[in-house]
């Protein structure tokens, strides 16, 4: 599961623990979680949640995967899905870790 919060909205970040509790109640105990801070393309003045805060919350909630991304700039969004999918496949022993992650969508030819 990918839990996404908005780095420009502290309230969104504050809800992450609730979402994790919901997943712990209703998802498989083997569910893989990734915490994703999005809208990283904004200025530092617009940010309400730092990278360090996101990483610390991921550690506190025992979320093994943490990334920040920008959909509007296509930065690290593909990496987030790749990390989550790779973790799922590795747990199911269906994927070898030697494969490199895909390049960002912005590098694709149009």
PDB file of N, CA and C in Angstrom:
ATOM      1  N   UNK A   1       0.834  -1.172   0.000  1.00  0.00           N
ATOM      2  CA  UNK A   1       0.000   0.000   0.000  1.00  0.00           C
ATOM      3  C   UNK A   1       0.877   1.232   0.000  1.00  0.00           C
ATOM      4  N   UNK A   2       0.454   2.232  -0.758  1.00  0.00           N
ATOM      5  CA  UNK A   2       1.156   3.498  -0.790  1.00  0.00           C
ATOM      6  C   UNK A   2       0.322   4.512  -0.016  1.00  0.00           C
ATOM      7  N   UNK A   3       0.902   5.042   1.034  1.00  0.00           N
ATOM      8  CA  UNK A   3       0.241   6.062   1.838  1.00  0.00           C
ATOM      9  C   UNK A   3       0.844   7.395   1.425  1.00  0.00           C
ATOM     10  N   UNK A   4       0.002   8.286   0.920  1.00  0.00           N
ATOM     11  CA  UNK A   4       0.483   9.543   0.352  1.00  0.00           C
ATOM     12  C   UNK A   4      -0.008  10.721   1.189  1.00  0.00           C
ATOM     13  N   UNK A   5       0.912  11.626   1.485  1.00  0.00           N
ATOM     14  CA  UNK A   5       0.535  12.878   2.137  1.00  0.00           C
ATOM     15  C   UNK A   5       1.101  14.033   1.327  1.00  0.00           C
ATOM     16  N   UNK A   6       0.533  15.203   1.539  1.00  0.00           N
ATOM     17  CA  UNK A   6       0.905  16.420   0.835  1.00  0.00           C
ATOM     18  C   UNK A   6       1.911  17.188   1.689  1.00  0.00           C
ATOM     19  N   UNK A   7       3.113  17.433   1.166  1.00  0.00           N
ATOM     20  CA  UNK A   7       4.136  18.128   1.952  1.00  0.00           C
ATOM     21  C   UNK A   7       3.769  19.587   2.228  1.00  0.00           C
ATOM     22  N   UNK A   8       2.742  20.100   1.557  1.00  0.00           N
ATOM     23  CA  UNK A   8       2.297  21.478   1.791  1.00  0.00           C
ATOM     24  C   UNK A   8       1.130  21.540   2.777  1.00  0.00           C
ATOM     25  N   UNK A   9       0.775  20.397   3.368  1.00  0.00           N
ATOM     26  CA  UNK A   9      -0.395  20.348   4.244  1.00  0.00           C
ATOM     27  C   UNK A   9      -0.095  19.498   5.486  1.00  0.00           C
ATOM     28  N   UNK A  10       0.188  20.162   6.580  1.00  0.00           N
ATOM     29  CA  UNK A  10       0.518  19.449   7.815  1.00  0.00           C
ATOM     30  C   UNK A  10      -0.631  18.554   8.258  1.00  0.00           C
ATOM     31  N   UNK A  11      -1.874  18.953   8.006  1.00  0.00           N
ATOM     32  CA  UNK A  11      -3.031  18.135   8.381  1.00  0.00           C
ATOM     33  C   UNK A  11      -2.994  16.792   7.654  1.00  0.00           C
ATOM     34  N   UNK A  12      -2.646  16.812   6.386  1.00  0.00           N
ATOM     35  CA  UNK A  12      -2.511  15.579   5.599  1.00  0.00           C
ATOM     36  C   UNK A  12      -1.462  14.664   6.230  1.00  0.00           C
ATOM     37  N   UNK A  13      -0.338  15.243   6.602  1.00  0.00           N
ATOM     38  CA  UNK A  13       0.745  14.497   7.241  1.00  0.00           C
ATOM     39  C   UNK A  13       0.280  13.937   8.584  1.00  0.00           C
ATOM     40  N   UNK A  14      -0.488  14.731   9.313  1.00  0.00           N
ATOM     41  CA  UNK A  14      -0.994  14.304  10.605  1.00  0.00           C
ATOM     42  C   UNK A  14      -1.947  13.123  10.532  1.00  0.00           C
ATOM     43  N   UNK A  15      -2.545  12.909   9.386  1.00  0.00           N
ATOM     44  CA  UNK A  15      -3.491  11.798   9.209  1.00  0.00           C
ATOM     45  C   UNK A  15      -2.810  10.475   8.887  1.00  0.00           C
ATOM     46  N   UNK A  16      -1.520  10.488   8.604  1.00  0.00           N
ATOM     47  CA  UNK A  16      -0.811   9.267   8.194  1.00  0.00           C
ATOM     48  C   UNK A  16      -0.948   8.169   9.241  1.00  0.00           C
ATOM     49  N   UNK A  17      -0.766   8.482  10.512  1.00  0.00           N
ATOM     50  CA  UNK A  17      -0.855   7.456  11.558  1.00  0.00           C
ATOM     51  C   UNK A  17      -2.231   6.805  11.556  1.00  0.00           C
ATOM     52  N   UNK A  18      -3.280   7.589  11.326  1.00  0.00           N
ATOM     53  CA  UNK A  18      -4.639   7.032  11.241  1.00  0.00           C
ATOM     54  C   UNK A  18      -4.751   6.055  10.073  1.00  0.00           C
ATOM     55  N   UNK A  19      -4.209   6.435   8.927  1.00  0.00           N
ATOM     56  CA  UNK A  19      -4.285   5.566   7.747  1.00  0.00           C
ATOM     57  C   UNK A  19      -3.541   4.258   7.994  1.00  0.00           C
ATOM     58  N   UNK A  20      -2.407   4.350   8.669  1.00  0.00           N
ATOM     59  CA  UNK A  20      -1.629   3.147   8.983  1.00  0.00           C
ATOM     60  C   UNK A  20      -2.425   2.243   9.924  1.00  0.00           C
ATOM     61  N   UNK A  21      -3.069   2.823  10.936  1.00  0.00           N
ATOM     62  CA  UNK A  21      -3.903   2.017  11.851  1.00  0.00           C
ATOM     63  C   UNK A  21      -5.035   1.323  11.091  1.00  0.00           C
ATOM     64  N   UNK A  22      -5.638   2.030  10.156  1.00  0.00           N
ATOM     65  CA  UNK A  22      -6.706   1.426   9.348  1.00  0.00           C
ATOM     66  C   UNK A  22      -6.167   0.236   8.557  1.00  0.00           C
ATOM     67  N   UNK A  23      -4.994   0.394   7.973  1.00  0.00           N
ATOM     68  CA  UNK A  23      -4.394  -0.707   7.229  1.00  0.00           C
ATOM     69  C   UNK A  23      -4.053  -1.873   8.149  1.00  0.00           C
ATOM     70  N   UNK A  24      -3.586  -1.579   9.335  1.00  0.00           N
ATOM     71  CA  UNK A  24      -3.268  -2.645  10.283  1.00  0.00           C
ATOM     72  C   UNK A  24      -4.524  -3.421  10.679  1.00  0.00           C
ATOM     73  N   UNK A  25      -5.667  -2.757  10.701  1.00  0.00           N
ATOM     74  CA  UNK A  25      -6.927  -3.426  11.049  1.00  0.00           C
ATOM     75  C   UNK A  25      -7.483  -4.258   9.900  1.00  0.00           C
ATOM     76  N   UNK A  26      -7.378  -3.744   8.671  1.00  0.00           N
ATOM     77  CA  UNK A  26      -8.099  -4.350   7.561  1.00  0.00           C
ATOM     78  C   UNK A  26      -7.238  -5.012   6.492  1.00  0.00           C
ATOM     79  N   UNK A  27      -5.966  -4.712   6.444  1.00  0.00           N
ATOM     80  CA  UNK A  27      -5.098  -5.308   5.423  1.00  0.00           C
ATOM     81  C   UNK A  27      -4.399  -6.542   5.997  1.00  0.00           C
ATOM     82  N   UNK A  28      -3.824  -7.306   5.126  1.00  0.00           N
ATOM     83  CA  UNK A  28      -3.043  -8.466   5.543  1.00  0.00           C
ATOM     84  C   UNK A  28      -1.888  -8.013   6.433  1.00  0.00           C
ATOM     85  N   UNK A  29      -1.536  -8.849   7.396  1.00  0.00           N
ATOM     86  CA  UNK A  29      -0.410  -8.499   8.268  1.00  0.00           C
ATOM     87  C   UNK A  29       0.903  -8.466   7.497  1.00  0.00           C
ATOM     88  N   UNK A  30       0.931  -9.064   6.317  1.00  0.00           N
ATOM     89  CA  UNK A  30       2.127  -9.059   5.472  1.00  0.00           C
ATOM     90  C   UNK A  30       2.118  -7.914   4.459  1.00  0.00           C
ATOM     91  N   UNK A  31       1.180  -6.992   4.588  1.00  0.00           N
ATOM     92  CA  UNK A  31       1.081  -5.883   3.641  1.00  0.00           C
ATOM     93  C   UNK A  31       2.361  -5.051   3.672  1.00  0.00           C
ATOM     94  N   UNK A  32       2.772  -4.608   2.518  1.00  0.00           N
ATOM     95  CA  UNK A  32       3.969  -3.779   2.392  1.00  0.00           C
ATOM     96  C   UNK A  32       3.521  -2.329   2.248  1.00  0.00           C
ATOM     97  N   UNK A  33       4.139  -1.472   3.036  1.00  0.00           N
ATOM     98  CA  UNK A  33       3.763  -0.065   3.029  1.00  0.00           C
ATOM     99  C   UNK A  33       4.887   0.806   2.497  1.00  0.00           C
ATOM    100  N   UNK A  34       4.487   1.840   1.797  1.00  0.00           N
ATOM    101  CA  UNK A  34       5.411   2.872   1.341  1.00  0.00           C
ATOM    102  C   UNK A  34       4.784   4.210   1.704  1.00  0.00           C
ATOM    103  N   UNK A  35       5.521   5.058   2.390  1.00  0.00           N
ATOM    104  CA  UNK A  35       5.059   6.401   2.715  1.00  0.00           C
ATOM    105  C   UNK A  35       5.636   7.354   1.677  1.00  0.00           C
ATOM    106  N   UNK A  36       4.745   8.149   1.068  1.00  0.00           N
ATOM    107  CA  UNK A  36       5.154   9.049  -0.006  1.00  0.00           C
ATOM    108  C   UNK A  36       4.702  10.466   0.288  1.00  0.00           C
ATOM    109  N   UNK A  37       5.675  11.370   0.377  1.00  0.00           N
ATOM    110  CA  UNK A  37       5.362  12.793   0.457  1.00  0.00           C
ATOM    111  C   UNK A  37       5.304  13.324  -0.960  1.00  0.00           C
ATOM    112  N   UNK A  38       4.206  13.994  -1.309  1.00  0.00           N
ATOM    113  CA  UNK A  38       4.120  14.489  -2.686  1.00  0.00           C
ATOM    114  C   UNK A  38       4.006  16.007  -2.728  1.00  0.00           C
ATOM    115  N   UNK A  39       4.132  16.557  -3.903  1.00  0.00           N
ATOM    116  CA  UNK A  39       4.175  17.998  -4.189  1.00  0.00           C
ATOM    117  C   UNK A  39       5.531  18.596  -3.807  1.00  0.00           C
ATOM    118  N   UNK A  40       6.590  17.853  -4.028  1.00  0.00           N
ATOM    119  CA  UNK A  40       7.925  18.343  -3.677  1.00  0.00           C
ATOM    120  C   UNK A  40       8.431  19.419  -4.634  1.00  0.00           C
ATOM    121  N   UNK A  41       7.653  19.729  -5.648  1.00  0.00           N
ATOM    122  CA  UNK A  41       8.046  20.764  -6.605  1.00  0.00           C
ATOM    123  C   UNK A  41       7.776  22.167  -6.067  1.00  0.00           C
ATOM    124  N   UNK A  42       7.144  22.285  -4.909  1.00  0.00           N
ATOM    125  CA  UNK A  42       6.820  23.602  -4.353  1.00  0.00           C
ATOM    126  C   UNK A  42       8.048  24.243  -3.723  1.00  0.00           C
ATOM    127  N   UNK A  43       7.953  25.546  -3.484  1.00  0.00           N
ATOM    128  CA  UNK A  43       9.068  26.259  -2.851  1.00  0.00           C
ATOM    129  C   UNK A  43       9.174  25.843  -1.384  1.00  0.00           C
ATOM    130  N   UNK A  44      10.331  26.062  -0.798  1.00  0.00           N
ATOM    131  CA  UNK A  44      10.541  25.694   0.605  1.00  0.00           C
ATOM    132  C   UNK A  44       9.601  26.478   1.524  1.00  0.00           C
ATOM    133  N   UNK A  45       9.192  27.674   1.123  1.00  0.00           N
ATOM    134  CA  UNK A  45       8.254  28.454   1.920  1.00  0.00           C
ATOM    135  C   UNK A  45       6.868  27.817   1.959  1.00  0.00           C
ATOM    136  N   UNK A  46       6.504  27.084   0.909  1.00  0.00           N
ATOM    137  CA  UNK A  46       5.184  26.441   0.840  1.00  0.00           C
ATOM    138  C   UNK A  46       5.153  25.106   1.573  1.00  0.00           C
ATOM    139  N   UNK A  47       6.309  24.531   1.807  1.00  0.00           N
ATOM    140  CA  UNK A  47       6.371  23.242   2.508  1.00  0.00           C
ATOM    141  C   UNK A  47       5.997  23.394   3.958  1.00  0.00           C
ATOM    142  N   UNK A  48       5.164  22.480   4.434  1.00  0.00           N
ATOM    143  CA  UNK A  48       4.827  22.442   5.854  1.00  0.00           C
ATOM    144  C   UNK A  48       5.430  21.213   6.528  1.00  0.00           C
ATOM    145  N   UNK A  49       5.902  20.264   5.719  1.00  0.00           N
ATOM    146  CA  UNK A  49       6.475  19.024   6.247  1.00  0.00           C
ATOM    147  C   UNK A  49       7.836  18.813   5.582  1.00  0.00           C
ATOM    148  N   UNK A  50       8.877  18.651   6.374  1.00  0.00           N
ATOM    149  CA  UNK A  50      10.216  18.449   5.821  1.00  0.00           C
ATOM    150  C   UNK A  50      10.444  16.979   5.469  1.00  0.00           C
ATOM    151  N   UNK A  51      11.468  16.752   4.676  1.00  0.00           N
ATOM    152  CA  UNK A  51      11.862  15.381   4.347  1.00  0.00           C
ATOM    153  C   UNK A  51      12.203  14.621   5.628  1.00  0.00           C
ATOM    154  N   UNK A  52      12.937  15.268   6.519  1.00  0.00           N
ATOM    155  CA  UNK A  52      13.349  14.613   7.772  1.00  0.00           C
ATOM    156  C   UNK A  52      12.140  14.188   8.597  1.00  0.00           C
ATOM    157  N   UNK A  53      11.101  15.011   8.634  1.00  0.00           N
ATOM    158  CA  UNK A  53       9.886  14.648   9.374  1.00  0.00           C
ATOM    159  C   UNK A  53       9.205  13.434   8.757  1.00  0.00           C
ATOM    160  N   UNK A  54       9.148  13.390   7.439  1.00  0.00           N
ATOM    161  CA  UNK A  54       8.548  12.250   6.749  1.00  0.00           C
ATOM    162  C   UNK A  54       9.331  10.974   7.015  1.00  0.00           C
ATOM    163  N   UNK A  55      10.645  11.065   6.920  1.00  0.00           N
ATOM    164  CA  UNK A  55      11.495   9.895   7.165  1.00  0.00           C
ATOM    165  C   UNK A  55      11.365   9.425   8.608  1.00  0.00           C
ATOM    166  N   UNK A  56      11.314  10.365   9.542  1.00  0.00           N
ATOM    167  CA  UNK A  56      11.174  10.010  10.951  1.00  0.00           C
ATOM    168  C   UNK A  56       9.837   9.332  11.223  1.00  0.00           C
ATOM    169  N   UNK A  57       8.775   9.840  10.615  1.00  0.00           N
ATOM    170  CA  UNK A  57       7.460   9.218  10.810  1.00  0.00           C
ATOM    171  C   UNK A  57       7.442   7.808  10.237  1.00  0.00           C
ATOM    172  N   UNK A  58       8.057   7.630   9.079  1.00  0.00           N
ATOM    173  CA  UNK A  58       8.127   6.289   8.485  1.00  0.00           C
ATOM    174  C   UNK A  58       8.825   5.322   9.444  1.00  0.00           C
ATOM    175  N   UNK A  59       9.930   5.757  10.032  1.00  0.00           N
ATOM    176  CA  UNK A  59      10.640   4.911  11.004  1.00  0.00           C
ATOM    177  C   UNK A  59       9.772   4.628  12.227  1.00  0.00           C
ATOM    178  N   UNK A  60       9.126   5.657  12.760  1.00  0.00           N
ATOM    179  CA  UNK A  60       8.282   5.512  13.948  1.00  0.00           C
ATOM    180  C   UNK A  60       7.137   4.526  13.711  1.00  0.00           C
ATOM    181  N   UNK A  61       6.540   4.590  12.523  1.00  0.00           N
ATOM    182  CA  UNK A  61       5.401   3.727  12.200  1.00  0.00           C
ATOM    183  C   UNK A  61       5.833   2.399  11.583  1.00  0.00           C
ATOM    184  N   UNK A  62       7.131   2.149  11.538  1.00  0.00           N
ATOM    185  CA  UNK A  62       7.699   0.919  10.963  1.00  0.00           C
ATOM    186  C   UNK A  62       7.280   0.731   9.506  1.00  0.00           C
ATOM    187  N   UNK A  63       7.288   1.829   8.765  1.00  0.00           N
ATOM    188  CA  UNK A  63       7.032   1.780   7.326  1.00  0.00           C
ATOM    189  C   UNK A  63       8.395   1.667   6.660  1.00  0.00           C
ATOM    190  N   UNK A  64       8.668   0.549   5.996  1.00  0.00           N
ATOM    191  CA  UNK A  64      10.024   0.302   5.492  1.00  0.00           C
ATOM    192  C   UNK A  64      10.452   1.161   4.309  1.00  0.00           C
ATOM    193  N   UNK A  65       9.509   1.715   3.583  1.00  0.00           N
ATOM    194  CA  UNK A  65       9.842   2.466   2.377  1.00  0.00           C
ATOM    195  C   UNK A  65       9.334   3.896   2.511  1.00  0.00           C
ATOM    196  N   UNK A  66      10.204   4.865   2.234  1.00  0.00           N
ATOM    197  CA  UNK A  66       9.826   6.274   2.282  1.00  0.00           C
ATOM    198  C   UNK A  66      10.469   7.006   1.113  1.00  0.00           C
ATOM    199  N   UNK A  67       9.663   7.783   0.427  1.00  0.00           N
ATOM    200  CA  UNK A  67      10.143   8.612  -0.682  1.00  0.00           C
ATOM    201  C   UNK A  67       9.348   9.904  -0.720  1.00  0.00           C
ATOM    202  N   UNK A  68       9.906  10.885  -1.413  1.00  0.00           N
ATOM    203  CA  UNK A  68       9.164  12.084  -1.760  1.00  0.00           C
ATOM    204  C   UNK A  68       9.151  12.184  -3.274  1.00  0.00           C
ATOM    205  N   UNK A  69       8.082  12.770  -3.821  1.00  0.00           N
ATOM    206  CA  UNK A  69       7.934  12.809  -5.272  1.00  0.00           C
ATOM    207  C   UNK A  69       7.151  14.042  -5.705  1.00  0.00           C
ATOM    208  N   UNK A  70       7.259  14.320  -6.987  1.00  0.00           N
ATOM    209  CA  UNK A  70       6.482  15.381  -7.612  1.00  0.00           C
ATOM    210  C   UNK A  70       5.844  14.824  -8.872  1.00  0.00           C
ATOM    211  N   UNK A  71       4.529  14.749  -8.882  1.00  0.00           N
ATOM    212  CA  UNK A  71       3.835  14.272 -10.077  1.00  0.00           C
ATOM    213  C   UNK A  71       3.924  15.302 -11.196  1.00  0.00           C
ATOM    214  N   UNK A  72       3.839  16.587 -10.853  1.00  0.00           N
ATOM    215  CA  UNK A  72       3.852  17.610 -11.897  1.00  0.00           C
ATOM    216  C   UNK A  72       5.202  17.697 -12.601  1.00  0.00           C
ATOM    217  N   UNK A  73       6.277  17.361 -11.906  1.00  0.00           N
ATOM    218  CA  UNK A  73       7.609  17.352 -12.528  1.00  0.00           C
ATOM    219  C   UNK A  73       8.069  15.946 -12.885  1.00  0.00           C
ATOM    220  N   UNK A  74       7.235  14.973 -12.584  1.00  0.00           N
ATOM    221  CA  UNK A  74       7.562  13.568 -12.827  1.00  0.00           C
ATOM    222  C   UNK A  74       8.890  13.194 -12.178  1.00  0.00           C
ATOM    223  N   UNK A  75       9.038  13.583 -10.923  1.00  0.00           N
ATOM    224  CA  UNK A  75      10.251  13.277 -10.168  1.00  0.00           C
ATOM    225  C   UNK A  75       9.950  12.203  -9.133  1.00  0.00           C
ATOM    226  N   UNK A  76      10.588  11.074  -9.285  1.00  0.00           N
ATOM    227  CA  UNK A  76      10.559   9.966  -8.325  1.00  0.00           C
ATOM    228  C   UNK A  76       9.212   9.258  -8.197  1.00  0.00           C
ATOM    229  N   UNK A  77       8.231   9.631  -8.992  1.00  0.00           N
ATOM    230  CA  UNK A  77       6.944   8.937  -8.918  1.00  0.00           C
ATOM    231  C   UNK A  77       7.081   7.516  -9.440  1.00  0.00           C
ATOM    232  N   UNK A  78       7.757   7.361 -10.553  1.00  0.00           N
ATOM    233  CA  UNK A  78       8.005   6.023 -11.093  1.00  0.00           C
ATOM    234  C   UNK A  78       8.824   5.214 -10.094  1.00  0.00           C
ATOM    235  N   UNK A  79       9.787   5.847  -9.457  1.00  0.00           N
ATOM    236  CA  UNK A  79      10.615   5.160  -8.460  1.00  0.00           C
ATOM    237  C   UNK A  79       9.785   4.649  -7.295  1.00  0.00           C
ATOM    238  N   UNK A  80       8.786   5.423  -6.883  1.00  0.00           N
ATOM    239  CA  UNK A  80       7.934   4.998  -5.775  1.00  0.00           C
ATOM    240  C   UNK A  80       7.200   3.706  -6.125  1.00  0.00           C
ATOM    241  N   UNK A  81       6.599   3.667  -7.302  1.00  0.00           N
ATOM    242  CA  UNK A  81       5.886   2.453  -7.725  1.00  0.00           C
ATOM    243  C   UNK A  81       6.863   1.298  -7.929  1.00  0.00           C
ATOM    244  N   UNK A  82       8.034   1.603  -8.459  1.00  0.00           N
ATOM    245  CA  UNK A  82       9.043   0.566  -8.666  1.00  0.00           C
ATOM    246  C   UNK A  82       9.490  -0.030  -7.328  1.00  0.00           C
ATOM    247  N   UNK A  83       9.759   0.825  -6.342  1.00  0.00           N
ATOM    248  CA  UNK A  83      10.191   0.344  -5.025  1.00  0.00           C
ATOM    249  C   UNK A  83       9.139  -0.552  -4.388  1.00  0.00           C
ATOM    250  N   UNK A  84       7.895  -0.118  -4.438  1.00  0.00           N
ATOM    251  CA  UNK A  84       6.814  -0.894  -3.828  1.00  0.00           C
ATOM    252  C   UNK A  84       6.631  -2.227  -4.544  1.00  0.00           C
ATOM    253  N   UNK A  85       6.625  -2.192  -5.856  1.00  0.00           N
ATOM    254  CA  UNK A  85       6.457  -3.422  -6.635  1.00  0.00           C
ATOM    255  C   UNK A  85       7.628  -4.372  -6.424  1.00  0.00           C
ATOM    256  N   UNK A  86       8.834  -3.835  -6.409  1.00  0.00           N
ATOM    257  CA  UNK A  86      10.022  -4.661  -6.194  1.00  0.00           C
ATOM    258  C   UNK A  86       9.961  -5.344  -4.834  1.00  0.00           C
ATOM    259  N   UNK A  87       9.575  -4.602  -3.821  1.00  0.00           N
ATOM    260  CA  UNK A  87       9.469  -5.171  -2.470  1.00  0.00           C
ATOM    261  C   UNK A  87       8.441  -6.305  -2.434  1.00  0.00           C
ATOM    262  N   UNK A  88       7.329  -6.100  -3.089  1.00  0.00           N
ATOM    263  CA  UNK A  88       6.293  -7.146  -3.140  1.00  0.00           C
ATOM    264  C   UNK A  88       6.831  -8.388  -3.838  1.00  0.00           C
ATOM    265  N   UNK A  89       7.461  -8.191  -4.964  1.00  0.00           N
ATOM    266  CA  UNK A  89       7.987  -9.328  -5.716  1.00  0.00           C
ATOM    267  C   UNK A  89       9.120 -10.025  -4.972  1.00  0.00           C
ATOM    268  N   UNK A  90       9.972  -9.266  -4.301  1.00  0.00           N
ATOM    269  CA  UNK A  90      11.064  -9.874  -3.537  1.00  0.00           C
ATOM    270  C   UNK A  90      10.515 -10.708  -2.384  1.00  0.00           C
ATOM    271  N   UNK A  91       9.493 -10.211  -1.740  1.00  0.00           N
ATOM    272  CA  UNK A  91       8.886 -10.982  -0.647  1.00  0.00           C
ATOM    273  C   UNK A  91       8.309 -12.287  -1.159  1.00  0.00           C
ATOM    274  N   UNK A  92       7.833 -12.256  -2.373  1.00  0.00           N
ATOM    275  CA  UNK A  92       7.265 -13.451  -2.967  1.00  0.00           C
ATOM    276  C   UNK A  92       8.294 -14.223  -3.787  1.00  0.00           C
ATOM    277  N   UNK A  93       9.561 -13.793  -3.696  1.00  0.00           N
ATOM    278  CA  UNK A  93      10.693 -14.439  -4.372  1.00  0.00           C
ATOM    279  C   UNK A  93      10.462 -14.587  -5.874  1.00  0.00           C
ATOM    280  N   UNK A  94       9.928 -13.529  -6.464  1.00  0.00           N
ATOM    281  CA  UNK A  94       9.630 -13.550  -7.891  1.00  0.00           C
ATOM    282  C   UNK A  94      10.493 -12.557  -8.669  1.00  0.00           C
ATOM    283  N   UNK A  95      11.458 -11.932  -7.997  1.00  0.00           N
ATOM    284  CA  UNK A  95      12.202 -10.848  -8.638  1.00  0.00           C
ATOM    285  C   UNK A  95      13.635 -10.861  -8.163  1.00  0.00           C
ATOM    286  N   UNK A  96      14.560 -10.664  -9.063  1.00  0.00           N
ATOM    287  CA  UNK A  96      15.974 -10.579  -8.706  1.00  0.00           C
ATOM    288  C   UNK A  96      16.353  -9.115  -8.564  1.00  0.00           C
ATOM    289  N   UNK A  97      17.131  -8.809  -7.547  1.00  0.00           N
ATOM    290  CA  UNK A  97      17.457  -7.415  -7.249  1.00  0.00           C
ATOM    291  C   UNK A  97      18.489  -6.799  -8.185  1.00  0.00           C
ATOM    292  N   UNK A  98      19.066  -7.564  -9.088  1.00  0.00           N
ATOM    293  CA  UNK A  98      20.088  -7.002  -9.974  1.00  0.00           C
ATOM    294  C   UNK A  98      19.501  -6.076 -11.031  1.00  0.00           C
ATOM    295  N   UNK A  99      18.198  -6.121 -11.230  1.00  0.00           N
ATOM    296  CA  UNK A  99      17.597  -5.301 -12.273  1.00  0.00           C
ATOM    297  C   UNK A  99      17.573  -3.838 -11.839  1.00  0.00           C
ATOM    298  N   UNK A 100      17.998  -2.921 -12.726  1.00  0.00           N
ATOM    299  CA  UNK A 100      18.009  -1.502 -12.366  1.00  0.00           C
ATOM    300  C   UNK A 100      16.588  -0.935 -12.389  1.00  0.00           C
ATOM    301  N   UNK A 101      16.342   0.134 -11.617  1.00  0.00           N
ATOM    302  CA  UNK A 101      15.016   0.754 -11.650  1.00  0.00           C
ATOM    303  C   UNK A 101      14.783   1.430 -12.997  1.00  0.00           C
ATOM    304  N   UNK A 102      13.531   1.593 -13.388  1.00  0.00           N
ATOM    305  CA  UNK A 102      13.244   2.251 -14.659  1.00  0.00           C
ATOM    306  C   UNK A 102      13.597   3.728 -14.573  1.00  0.00           C
ATOM    307  N   UNK A 103      13.843   4.320 -15.724  1.00  0.00           N
ATOM    308  CA  UNK A 103      14.132   5.747 -15.771  1.00  0.00           C
ATOM    309  C   UNK A 103      12.839   6.520 -15.581  1.00  0.00           C
ATOM    310  N   UNK A 104      12.967   7.758 -15.159  1.00  0.00           N
ATOM    311  CA  UNK A 104      11.815   8.616 -14.964  1.00  0.00           C
ATOM    312  C   UNK A 104      11.065   8.793 -16.268  1.00  0.00           C
ATOM    313  N   UNK A 105       9.757   8.988 -16.194  1.00  0.00           N
ATOM    314  CA  UNK A 105       8.946   9.174 -17.399  1.00  0.00           C
ATOM    315  C   UNK A 105       9.397  10.382 -18.204  1.00  0.00           C
ATOM    316  N   UNK A 106       9.972  11.379 -17.552  1.00  0.00           N
ATOM    317  CA  UNK A 106      10.373  12.589 -18.262  1.00  0.00           C
ATOM    318  C   UNK A 106      11.517  12.334 -19.235  1.00  0.00           C
ATOM    319  N   UNK A 107      12.200  11.198 -19.096  1.00  0.00           N
ATOM    320  CA  UNK A 107      13.304  10.888 -20.001  1.00  0.00           C
ATOM    321  C   UNK A 107      12.835  10.088 -21.221  1.00  0.00           C
ATOM    322  N   UNK A 108      11.563   9.727 -21.250  1.00  0.00           N
ATOM    323  CA  UNK A 108      11.044   8.980 -22.398  1.00  0.00           C
ATOM    324  C   UNK A 108      10.872   9.872 -23.611  1.00  0.00           C
ATOM    325  N   UNK A 109      11.074   9.298 -24.766  1.00  0.00           N
ATOM    326  CA  UNK A 109      10.853  10.052 -25.994  1.00  0.00           C
ATOM    327  C   UNK A 109       9.369  10.150 -26.246  1.00  0.00           C
ATOM    328  N   UNK A 110       8.955  11.291 -26.758  1.00  0.00           N
ATOM    329  CA  UNK A 110       7.531  11.501 -27.019  1.00  0.00           C
ATOM    330  C   UNK A 110       7.198  11.284 -28.465  1.00  0.00           C
TER     331      UNK A 110
END
